[in-house]
Amino acid sequence: MSKIEDIVDALENKISKVLHKQEVLKQTNDKLSEQIKQQQEELLRQQEEIASWAEKYETLKIANSMLGSDENKRETKLKINALIRDIDHCIGQLSE
């Protein structure tokens, strides 16, 4: 009988170790999931910041062109022409 008891005890120990490892892995998984979530939020924030800076850069290029800078004069003219077309379209809609 003692041999069966030894086998049962060994099996209980192995099951206990497996359950403990499972719990440790679950906790690690939870931590990693939280880190992923934080990294995704940080990435989103950085992408929004990049978009904001890109918009400011474009505005600055246009302002420099209007002040006489030759570098972006073509882009500024195209932007002004697009704005004039938009205004003409709005005036046309109001006239109807």
PDB file of N, CA and C in Angstrom:
ATOM      1  N   MET A   1       0.801  -1.193   0.000  1.00  0.00           N
ATOM      2  CA  MET A   1       0.000   0.000   0.000  1.00  0.00           C
ATOM      3  C   MET A   1       0.844   1.258   0.000  1.00  0.00           C
ATOM      4  N   SER A   2       2.000   1.184   0.620  1.00  0.00           N
ATOM      5  CA  SER A   2       2.801   2.398   0.706  1.00  0.00           C
ATOM      6  C   SER A   2       3.269   2.837  -0.678  1.00  0.00           C
ATOM      7  N   LYS A   3       3.416   1.896  -1.600  1.00  0.00           N
ATOM      8  CA  LYS A   3       3.830   2.261  -2.950  1.00  0.00           C
ATOM      9  C   LYS A   3       2.751   3.081  -3.637  1.00  0.00           C
ATOM     10  N   ILE A   4       1.499   2.742  -3.456  1.00  0.00           N
ATOM     11  CA  ILE A   4       0.385   3.495  -4.035  1.00  0.00           C
ATOM     12  C   ILE A   4       0.318   4.875  -3.390  1.00  0.00           C
ATOM     13  N   GLU A   5       0.541   4.932  -2.090  1.00  0.00           N
ATOM     14  CA  GLU A   5       0.534   6.221  -1.391  1.00  0.00           C
ATOM     15  C   GLU A   5       1.662   7.117  -1.900  1.00  0.00           C
ATOM     16  N   ASP A   6       2.817   6.524  -2.133  1.00  0.00           N
ATOM     17  CA  ASP A   6       3.942   7.294  -2.673  1.00  0.00           C
ATOM     18  C   ASP A   6       3.627   7.828  -4.068  1.00  0.00           C
ATOM     19  N   ILE A   7       2.981   7.018  -4.861  1.00  0.00           N
ATOM     20  CA  ILE A   7       2.614   7.436  -6.214  1.00  0.00           C
ATOM     21  C   ILE A   7       1.595   8.577  -6.156  1.00  0.00           C
ATOM     22  N   VAL A   8       0.605   8.429  -5.263  1.00  0.00           N
ATOM     23  CA  VAL A   8      -0.418   9.464  -5.111  1.00  0.00           C
ATOM     24  C   VAL A   8       0.216  10.758  -4.611  1.00  0.00           C
ATOM     25  N   ASP A   9       1.122  10.651  -3.620  1.00  0.00           N
ATOM     26  CA  ASP A   9       1.812  11.843  -3.109  1.00  0.00           C
ATOM     27  C   ASP A   9       2.637  12.515  -4.211  1.00  0.00           C
ATOM     28  N   ALA A  10       3.329  11.730  -4.985  1.00  0.00           N
ATOM     29  CA  ALA A  10       4.137  12.281  -6.076  1.00  0.00           C
ATOM     30  C   ALA A  10       3.242  12.968  -7.116  1.00  0.00           C
ATOM     31  N   LEU A  11       2.113  12.342  -7.397  1.00  0.00           N
ATOM     32  CA  LEU A  11       1.162  12.917  -8.347  1.00  0.00           C
ATOM     33  C   LEU A  11       0.591  14.227  -7.814  1.00  0.00           C
ATOM     34  N   GLU A  12       0.254  14.252  -6.529  1.00  0.00           N
ATOM     35  CA  GLU A  12      -0.260  15.488  -5.915  1.00  0.00           C
ATOM     36  C   GLU A  12       0.786  16.600  -5.989  1.00  0.00           C
ATOM     37  N   ASN A  13       2.045  16.252  -5.720  1.00  0.00           N
ATOM     38  CA  ASN A  13       3.117  17.251  -5.805  1.00  0.00           C
ATOM     39  C   ASN A  13       3.252  17.796  -7.227  1.00  0.00           C
ATOM     40  N   LYS A  14       3.224  16.907  -8.196  1.00  0.00           N
ATOM     41  CA  LYS A  14       3.337  17.348  -9.586  1.00  0.00           C
ATOM     42  C   LYS A  14       2.167  18.229  -9.987  1.00  0.00           C
ATOM     43  N   ILE A  15       0.965  17.847  -9.571  1.00  0.00           N
ATOM     44  CA  ILE A  15      -0.225  18.653  -9.880  1.00  0.00           C
ATOM     45  C   ILE A  15      -0.111  20.027  -9.218  1.00  0.00           C
ATOM     46  N   SER A  16       0.351  20.035  -7.985  1.00  0.00           N
ATOM     47  CA  SER A  16       0.533  21.294  -7.264  1.00  0.00           C
ATOM     48  C   SER A  16       1.534  22.196  -7.981  1.00  0.00           C
ATOM     49  N   LYS A  17       2.642  21.616  -8.443  1.00  0.00           N
ATOM     50  CA  LYS A  17       3.656  22.396  -9.170  1.00  0.00           C
ATOM     51  C   LYS A  17       3.096  22.934 -10.481  1.00  0.00           C
ATOM     52  N   VAL A  18       2.337  22.114 -11.185  1.00  0.00           N
ATOM     53  CA  VAL A  18       1.747  22.540 -12.453  1.00  0.00           C
ATOM     54  C   VAL A  18       0.763  23.685 -12.213  1.00  0.00           C
ATOM     55  N   LEU A  19      -0.060  23.570 -11.175  1.00  0.00           N
ATOM     56  CA  LEU A  19      -1.019  24.628 -10.860  1.00  0.00           C
ATOM     57  C   LEU A  19      -0.300  25.924 -10.478  1.00  0.00           C
ATOM     58  N   HIS A  20       0.795  25.782  -9.726  1.00  0.00           N
ATOM     59  CA  HIS A  20       1.578  26.956  -9.348  1.00  0.00           C
ATOM     60  C   HIS A  20       2.183  27.625 -10.592  1.00  0.00           C
ATOM     61  N   LYS A  21       2.753  26.814 -11.482  1.00  0.00           N
ATOM     62  CA  LYS A  21       3.319  27.359 -12.715  1.00  0.00           C
ATOM     63  C   LYS A  21       2.246  28.035 -13.563  1.00  0.00           C
ATOM     64  N   GLN A  22       1.065  27.428 -13.585  1.00  0.00           N
ATOM     65  CA  GLN A  22      -0.040  28.018 -14.341  1.00  0.00           C
ATOM     66  C   GLN A  22      -0.393  29.385 -13.769  1.00  0.00           C
ATOM     67  N   GLU A  23      -0.445  29.497 -12.455  1.00  0.00           N
ATOM     68  CA  GLU A  23      -0.770  30.776 -11.808  1.00  0.00           C
ATOM     69  C   GLU A  23       0.299  31.818 -12.098  1.00  0.00           C
ATOM     70  N   VAL A  24       1.564  31.415 -12.040  1.00  0.00           N
ATOM     71  CA  VAL A  24       2.661  32.341 -12.340  1.00  0.00           C
ATOM     72  C   VAL A  24       2.569  32.818 -13.786  1.00  0.00           C
ATOM     73  N   LEU A  25       2.299  31.904 -14.694  1.00  0.00           N
ATOM     74  CA  LEU A  25       2.171  32.268 -16.105  1.00  0.00           C
ATOM     75  C   LEU A  25       0.975  33.186 -16.340  1.00  0.00           C
ATOM     76  N   LYS A  26      -0.100  32.951 -15.627  1.00  0.00           N
ATOM     77  CA  LYS A  26      -1.283  33.809 -15.749  1.00  0.00           C
ATOM     78  C   LYS A  26      -0.949  35.225 -15.291  1.00  0.00           C
ATOM     79  N   GLN A  27      -0.251  35.339 -14.166  1.00  0.00           N
ATOM     80  CA  GLN A  27       0.134  36.662 -13.670  1.00  0.00           C
ATOM     81  C   GLN A  27       1.079  37.362 -14.651  1.00  0.00           C
ATOM     82  N   THR A  28       2.015  36.609 -15.205  1.00  0.00           N
ATOM     83  CA  THR A  28       2.938  37.177 -16.191  1.00  0.00           C
ATOM     84  C   THR A  28       2.176  37.637 -17.429  1.00  0.00           C
ATOM     85  N   ASN A  29       1.243  36.832 -17.857  1.00  0.00           N
ATOM     86  CA  ASN A  29       0.423  37.184 -19.009  1.00  0.00           C
ATOM     87  C   ASN A  29      -0.365  38.461 -18.749  1.00  0.00           C
ATOM     88  N   ASP A  30      -0.936  38.587 -17.563  1.00  0.00           N
ATOM     89  CA  ASP A  30      -1.688  39.794 -17.203  1.00  0.00           C
ATOM     90  C   ASP A  30      -0.786  41.031 -17.223  1.00  0.00           C
ATOM     91  N   LYS A  31       0.426  40.891 -16.677  1.00  0.00           N
ATOM     92  CA  LYS A  31       1.365  42.013 -16.671  1.00  0.00           C
ATOM     93  C   LYS A  31       1.734  42.416 -18.095  1.00  0.00           C
ATOM     94  N   LEU A  32       2.007  41.416 -18.932  1.00  0.00           N
ATOM     95  CA  LEU A  32       2.381  41.701 -20.318  1.00  0.00           C
ATOM     96  C   LEU A  32       1.227  42.333 -21.087  1.00  0.00           C
ATOM     97  N   SER A  33       0.025  41.882 -20.820  1.00  0.00           N
ATOM     98  CA  SER A  33      -1.147  42.469 -21.475  1.00  0.00           C
ATOM     99  C   SER A  33      -1.298  43.935 -21.080  1.00  0.00           C
ATOM    100  N   GLU A  34      -1.070  44.233 -19.818  1.00  0.00           N
ATOM    101  CA  GLU A  34      -1.147  45.622 -19.346  1.00  0.00           C
ATOM    102  C   GLU A  34      -0.053  46.463 -19.991  1.00  0.00           C
ATOM    103  N   GLN A  35       1.145  45.920 -20.118  1.00  0.00           N
ATOM    104  CA  GLN A  35       2.234  46.648 -20.762  1.00  0.00           C
ATOM    105  C   GLN A  35       1.913  46.929 -22.230  1.00  0.00           C
ATOM    106  N   ILE A  36       1.329  45.955 -22.898  1.00  0.00           N
ATOM    107  CA  ILE A  36       0.932  46.141 -24.301  1.00  0.00           C
ATOM    108  C   ILE A  36      -0.085  47.272 -24.404  1.00  0.00           C
ATOM    109  N   LYS A  37      -1.045  47.266 -23.511  1.00  0.00           N
ATOM    110  CA  LYS A  37      -2.069  48.311 -23.521  1.00  0.00           C
ATOM    111  C   LYS A  37      -1.437  49.688 -23.314  1.00  0.00           C
ATOM    112  N   GLN A  38      -0.515  49.791 -22.365  1.00  0.00           N
ATOM    113  CA  GLN A  38       0.149  51.065 -22.112  1.00  0.00           C
ATOM    114  C   GLN A  38       0.980  51.504 -23.312  1.00  0.00           C
ATOM    115  N   GLN A  39       1.673  50.562 -23.939  1.00  0.00           N
ATOM    116  CA  GLN A  39       2.490  50.893 -25.103  1.00  0.00           C
ATOM    117  C   GLN A  39       1.623  51.343 -26.280  1.00  0.00           C
ATOM    118  N   GLN A  40       0.467  50.717 -26.441  1.00  0.00           N
ATOM    119  CA  GLN A  40      -0.435  51.114 -27.519  1.00  0.00           C
ATOM    120  C   GLN A  40      -0.968  52.521 -27.277  1.00  0.00           C
ATOM    121  N   GLU A  41      -1.299  52.836 -26.024  1.00  0.00           N
ATOM    122  CA  GLU A  41      -1.768  54.176 -25.696  1.00  0.00           C
ATOM    123  C   GLU A  41      -0.673  55.210 -25.938  1.00  0.00           C
ATOM    124  N   GLU A  42       0.558  54.874 -25.574  1.00  0.00           N
ATOM    125  CA  GLU A  42       1.693  55.769 -25.795  1.00  0.00           C
ATOM    126  C   GLU A  42       1.929  55.965 -27.293  1.00  0.00           C
ATOM    127  N   LEU A  43       1.834  54.899 -28.062  1.00  0.00           N
ATOM    128  CA  LEU A  43       2.010  54.993 -29.506  1.00  0.00           C
ATOM    129  C   LEU A  43       0.942  55.891 -30.127  1.00  0.00           C
ATOM    130  N   LEU A  44      -0.290  55.740 -29.696  1.00  0.00           N
ATOM    131  CA  LEU A  44      -1.379  56.569 -30.198  1.00  0.00           C
ATOM    132  C   LEU A  44      -1.133  58.033 -29.864  1.00  0.00           C
ATOM    133  N   ARG A  45      -0.689  58.291 -28.642  1.00  0.00           N
ATOM    134  CA  ARG A  45      -0.406  59.667 -28.230  1.00  0.00           C
ATOM    135  C   ARG A  45       0.716  60.261 -29.091  1.00  0.00           C
ATOM    136  N   GLN A  46       1.742  59.478 -29.342  1.00  0.00           N
ATOM    137  CA  GLN A  46       2.857  59.955 -30.153  1.00  0.00           C
ATOM    138  C   GLN A  46       2.434  60.187 -31.603  1.00  0.00           C
ATOM    139  N   GLN A  47       1.578  59.328 -32.133  1.00  0.00           N
ATOM    140  CA  GLN A  47       1.092  59.524 -33.498  1.00  0.00           C
ATOM    141  C   GLN A  47       0.269  60.801 -33.609  1.00  0.00           C
ATOM    142  N   GLU A  48      -0.544  61.082 -32.587  1.00  0.00           N
ATOM    143  CA  GLU A  48      -1.325  62.309 -32.577  1.00  0.00           C
ATOM    144  C   GLU A  48      -0.408  63.526 -32.497  1.00  0.00           C
ATOM    145  N   GLU A  49       0.638  63.408 -31.695  1.00  0.00           N
ATOM    146  CA  GLU A  49       1.592  64.502 -31.574  1.00  0.00           C
ATOM    147  C   GLU A  49       2.332  64.732 -32.897  1.00  0.00           C
ATOM    148  N   ILE A  50       2.708  63.661 -33.563  1.00  0.00           N
ATOM    149  CA  ILE A  50       3.375  63.781 -34.865  1.00  0.00           C
ATOM    150  C   ILE A  50       2.451  64.459 -35.872  1.00  0.00           C
ATOM    151  N   ALA A  51       1.192  64.061 -35.887  1.00  0.00           N
ATOM    152  CA  ALA A  51       0.229  64.665 -36.808  1.00  0.00           C
ATOM    153  C   ALA A  51       0.081  66.154 -36.516  1.00  0.00           C
ATOM    154  N   SER A  52       0.044  66.494 -35.246  1.00  0.00           N
ATOM    155  CA  SER A  52      -0.071  67.899 -34.855  1.00  0.00           C
ATOM    156  C   SER A  52       1.139  68.701 -35.326  1.00  0.00           C
ATOM    157  N   TRP A  53       2.319  68.140 -35.133  1.00  0.00           N
ATOM    158  CA  TRP A  53       3.534  68.832 -35.555  1.00  0.00           C
ATOM    159  C   TRP A  53       3.604  68.934 -37.074  1.00  0.00           C
ATOM    160  N   ALA A  54       3.153  67.929 -37.784  1.00  0.00           N
ATOM    161  CA  ALA A  54       3.147  67.977 -39.247  1.00  0.00           C
ATOM    162  C   ALA A  54       2.229  69.090 -39.735  1.00  0.00           C
ATOM    163  N   GLU A  55       1.077  69.226 -39.092  1.00  0.00           N
ATOM    164  CA  GLU A  55       0.134  70.288 -39.460  1.00  0.00           C
ATOM    165  C   GLU A  55       0.740  71.664 -39.175  1.00  0.00           C
ATOM    166  N   LYS A  56       1.406  71.787 -38.026  1.00  0.00           N
ATOM    167  CA  LYS A  56       2.056  73.065 -37.696  1.00  0.00           C
ATOM    168  C   LYS A  56       3.161  73.379 -38.694  1.00  0.00           C
ATOM    169  N   TYR A  57       3.896  72.355 -39.123  1.00  0.00           N
ATOM    170  CA  TYR A  57       4.967  72.544 -40.083  1.00  0.00           C
ATOM    171  C   TYR A  57       4.413  73.044 -41.413  1.00  0.00           C
ATOM    172  N   GLU A  58       3.320  72.428 -41.866  1.00  0.00           N
ATOM    173  CA  GLU A  58       2.710  72.862 -43.124  1.00  0.00           C
ATOM    174  C   GLU A  58       2.225  74.303 -43.023  1.00  0.00           C
ATOM    175  N   THR A  59       1.627  74.658 -41.904  1.00  0.00           N
ATOM    176  CA  THR A  59       1.162  76.027 -41.694  1.00  0.00           C
ATOM    177  C   THR A  59       2.334  76.992 -41.703  1.00  0.00           C
ATOM    178  N   LEU A  60       3.416  76.605 -41.073  1.00  0.00           N
ATOM    179  CA  LEU A  60       4.610  77.445 -41.040  1.00  0.00           C
ATOM    180  C   LEU A  60       5.199  77.622 -42.433  1.00  0.00           C
ATOM    181  N   LYS A  61       5.211  76.548 -43.240  1.00  0.00           N
ATOM    182  CA  LYS A  61       5.710  76.663 -44.606  1.00  0.00           C
ATOM    183  C   LYS A  61       4.881  77.664 -45.403  1.00  0.00           C
ATOM    184  N   ILE A  62       3.575  77.594 -45.246  1.00  0.00           N
ATOM    185  CA  ILE A  62       2.694  78.516 -45.967  1.00  0.00           C
ATOM    186  C   ILE A  62       2.922  79.942 -45.490  1.00  0.00           C
ATOM    187  N   ALA A  63       3.043  80.130 -44.192  1.00  0.00           N
ATOM    188  CA  ALA A  63       3.286  81.470 -43.650  1.00  0.00           C
ATOM    189  C   ALA A  63       4.604  82.030 -44.160  1.00  0.00           C
ATOM    190  N   ASN A  64       5.635  81.214 -44.205  1.00  0.00           N
ATOM    191  CA  ASN A  64       6.926  81.673 -44.716  1.00  0.00           C
ATOM    192  C   ASN A  64       6.828  82.070 -46.182  1.00  0.00           C
ATOM    193  N   SER A  65       6.072  81.309 -46.951  1.00  0.00           N
ATOM    194  CA  SER A  65       5.905  81.633 -48.360  1.00  0.00           C
ATOM    195  C   SER A  65       5.196  82.967 -48.530  1.00  0.00           C
ATOM    196  N   MET A  66       4.205  83.208 -47.699  1.00  0.00           N
ATOM    197  CA  MET A  66       3.470  84.470 -47.775  1.00  0.00           C
ATOM    198  C   MET A  66       4.347  85.651 -47.368  1.00  0.00           C
ATOM    199  N   LEU A  67       5.324  85.398 -46.545  1.00  0.00           N
ATOM    200  CA  LEU A  67       6.222  86.466 -46.115  1.00  0.00           C
ATOM    201  C   LEU A  67       7.339  86.717 -47.123  1.00  0.00           C
ATOM    202  N   GLY A  68       7.357  85.941 -48.192  1.00  0.00           N
ATOM    203  CA  GLY A  68       8.324  86.195 -49.238  1.00  0.00           C
ATOM    204  C   GLY A  68       9.349  85.108 -49.437  1.00  0.00           C
ATOM    205  N   SER A  69       9.251  84.029 -48.720  1.00  0.00           N
ATOM    206  CA  SER A  69      10.189  82.937 -48.907  1.00  0.00           C
ATOM    207  C   SER A  69       9.919  82.267 -50.247  1.00  0.00           C
ATOM    208  N   ASP A  70      10.960  82.016 -51.015  1.00  0.00           N
ATOM    209  CA  ASP A  70      10.799  81.410 -52.338  1.00  0.00           C
ATOM    210  C   ASP A  70      10.699  79.886 -52.285  1.00  0.00           C
ATOM    211  N   GLU A  71      11.039  79.285 -51.154  1.00  0.00           N
ATOM    212  CA  GLU A  71      11.120  77.830 -51.058  1.00  0.00           C
ATOM    213  C   GLU A  71       9.791  77.132 -51.315  1.00  0.00           C
ATOM    214  N   ASN A  72       8.722  77.632 -50.748  1.00  0.00           N
ATOM    215  CA  ASN A  72       7.438  76.939 -50.824  1.00  0.00           C
ATOM    216  C   ASN A  72       6.376  77.783 -51.519  1.00  0.00           C
ATOM    217  N   LYS A  73       6.809  78.651 -52.392  1.00  0.00           N
ATOM    218  CA  LYS A  73       5.884  79.577 -53.045  1.00  0.00           C
ATOM    219  C   LYS A  73       4.847  78.827 -53.889  1.00  0.00           C
ATOM    220  N   ARG A  74       5.281  77.793 -54.587  1.00  0.00           N
ATOM    221  CA  ARG A  74       4.361  77.034 -55.440  1.00  0.00           C
ATOM    222  C   ARG A  74       3.261  76.386 -54.609  1.00  0.00           C
ATOM    223  N   GLU A  75       3.643  75.768 -53.495  1.00  0.00           N
ATOM    224  CA  GLU A  75       2.654  75.124 -52.627  1.00  0.00           C
ATOM    225  C   GLU A  75       1.660  76.147 -52.090  1.00  0.00           C
ATOM    226  N   THR A  76       2.163  77.327 -51.747  1.00  0.00           N
ATOM    227  CA  THR A  76       1.287  78.371 -51.213  1.00  0.00           C
ATOM    228  C   THR A  76       0.305  78.825 -52.278  1.00  0.00           C
ATOM    229  N   LYS A  77       0.774  79.000 -53.504  1.00  0.00           N
ATOM    230  CA  LYS A  77      -0.116  79.418 -54.587  1.00  0.00           C
ATOM    231  C   LYS A  77      -1.195  78.365 -54.817  1.00  0.00           C
ATOM    232  N   LEU A  78      -0.807  77.098 -54.788  1.00  0.00           N
ATOM    233  CA  LEU A  78      -1.790  76.027 -54.980  1.00  0.00           C
ATOM    234  C   LEU A  78      -2.827  76.026 -53.858  1.00  0.00           C
ATOM    235  N   LYS A  79      -2.375  76.244 -52.645  1.00  0.00           N
ATOM    236  CA  LYS A  79      -3.291  76.283 -51.498  1.00  0.00           C
ATOM    237  C   LYS A  79      -4.254  77.459 -51.632  1.00  0.00           C
ATOM    238  N   ILE A  80      -3.732  78.619 -52.011  1.00  0.00           N
ATOM    239  CA  ILE A  80      -4.581  79.808 -52.185  1.00  0.00           C
ATOM    240  C   ILE A  80      -5.590  79.568 -53.297  1.00  0.00           C
ATOM    241  N   ASN A  81      -5.137  78.969 -54.417  1.00  0.00           N
ATOM    242  CA  ASN A  81      -6.066  78.669 -55.508  1.00  0.00           C
ATOM    243  C   ASN A  81      -7.161  77.697 -55.070  1.00  0.00           C
ATOM    244  N   ALA A  82      -6.802  76.719 -54.268  1.00  0.00           N
ATOM    245  CA  ALA A  82      -7.803  75.768 -53.764  1.00  0.00           C
ATOM    246  C   ALA A  82      -8.804  76.485 -52.864  1.00  0.00           C
ATOM    247  N   LEU A  83      -8.324  77.394 -52.026  1.00  0.00           N
ATOM    248  CA  LEU A  83      -9.223  78.157 -51.151  1.00  0.00           C
ATOM    249  C   LEU A  83     -10.150  79.044 -51.975  1.00  0.00           C
ATOM    250  N   ILE A  84      -9.629  79.676 -53.025  1.00  0.00           N
ATOM    251  CA  ILE A  84     -10.452  80.525 -53.887  1.00  0.00           C
ATOM    252  C   ILE A  84     -11.525  79.695 -54.575  1.00  0.00           C
ATOM    253  N   ARG A  85     -11.164  78.489 -55.060  1.00  0.00           N
ATOM    254  CA  ARG A  85     -12.169  77.612 -55.675  1.00  0.00           C
ATOM    255  C   ARG A  85     -13.254  77.229 -54.667  1.00  0.00           C
ATOM    256  N   ASP A  86     -12.860  76.949 -53.439  1.00  0.00           N
ATOM    257  CA  ASP A  86     -13.844  76.619 -52.398  1.00  0.00           C
ATOM    258  C   ASP A  86     -14.781  77.789 -52.149  1.00  0.00           C
ATOM    259  N   ILE A  87     -14.217  78.981 -52.086  1.00  0.00           N
ATOM    260  CA  ILE A  87     -15.035  80.182 -51.853  1.00  0.00           C
ATOM    261  C   ILE A  87     -15.988  80.394 -53.036  1.00  0.00           C
ATOM    262  N   ASP A  88     -15.472  80.253 -54.260  1.00  0.00           N
ATOM    263  CA  ASP A  88     -16.331  80.399 -55.442  1.00  0.00           C
ATOM    264  C   ASP A  88     -17.467  79.372 -55.435  1.00  0.00           C
ATOM    265  N   HIS A  89     -17.149  78.155 -55.023  1.00  0.00           N
ATOM    266  CA  HIS A  89     -18.173  77.107 -54.945  1.00  0.00           C
ATOM    267  C   HIS A  89     -19.248  77.477 -53.920  1.00  0.00           C
ATOM    268  N   CYS A  90     -18.808  77.982 -52.783  1.00  0.00           N
ATOM    269  CA  CYS A  90     -19.781  78.405 -51.748  1.00  0.00           C
ATOM    270  C   CYS A  90     -20.654  79.555 -52.234  1.00  0.00           C
ATOM    271  N   ILE A  91     -20.029  80.500 -52.919  1.00  0.00           N
ATOM    272  CA  ILE A  91     -20.797  81.641 -53.444  1.00  0.00           C
ATOM    273  C   ILE A  91     -21.812  81.144 -54.476  1.00  0.00           C
ATOM    274  N   GLY A  92     -21.391  80.198 -55.311  1.00  0.00           N
ATOM    275  CA  GLY A  92     -22.299  79.623 -56.295  1.00  0.00           C
ATOM    276  C   GLY A  92     -23.477  78.931 -55.635  1.00  0.00           C
ATOM    277  N   GLN A  93     -23.234  78.238 -54.555  1.00  0.00           N
ATOM    278  CA  GLN A  93     -24.337  77.559 -53.845  1.00  0.00           C
ATOM    279  C   GLN A  93     -25.264  78.552 -53.186  1.00  0.00           C
ATOM    280  N   LEU A  94     -24.716  79.636 -52.685  1.00  0.00           N
ATOM    281  CA  LEU A  94     -25.561  80.664 -52.046  1.00  0.00           C
ATOM    282  C   LEU A  94     -26.405  81.400 -53.101  1.00  0.00           C
ATOM    283  N   SER A  95     -25.893  81.511 -54.313  1.00  0.00           N
ATOM    284  CA  SER A  95     -26.613  82.225 -55.375  1.00  0.00           C
ATOM    285  C   SER A  95     -27.816  81.444 -55.872  1.00  0.00           C
ATOM    286  N   GLU A  96     -27.795  80.118 -55.703  1.00  0.00           N
ATOM    287  CA  GLU A  96     -28.890  79.287 -56.229  1.00  0.00           C
ATOM    288  C   GLU A  96     -30.159  79.457 -55.475  1.00  0.00           C
TER     289      GLU A  96
END
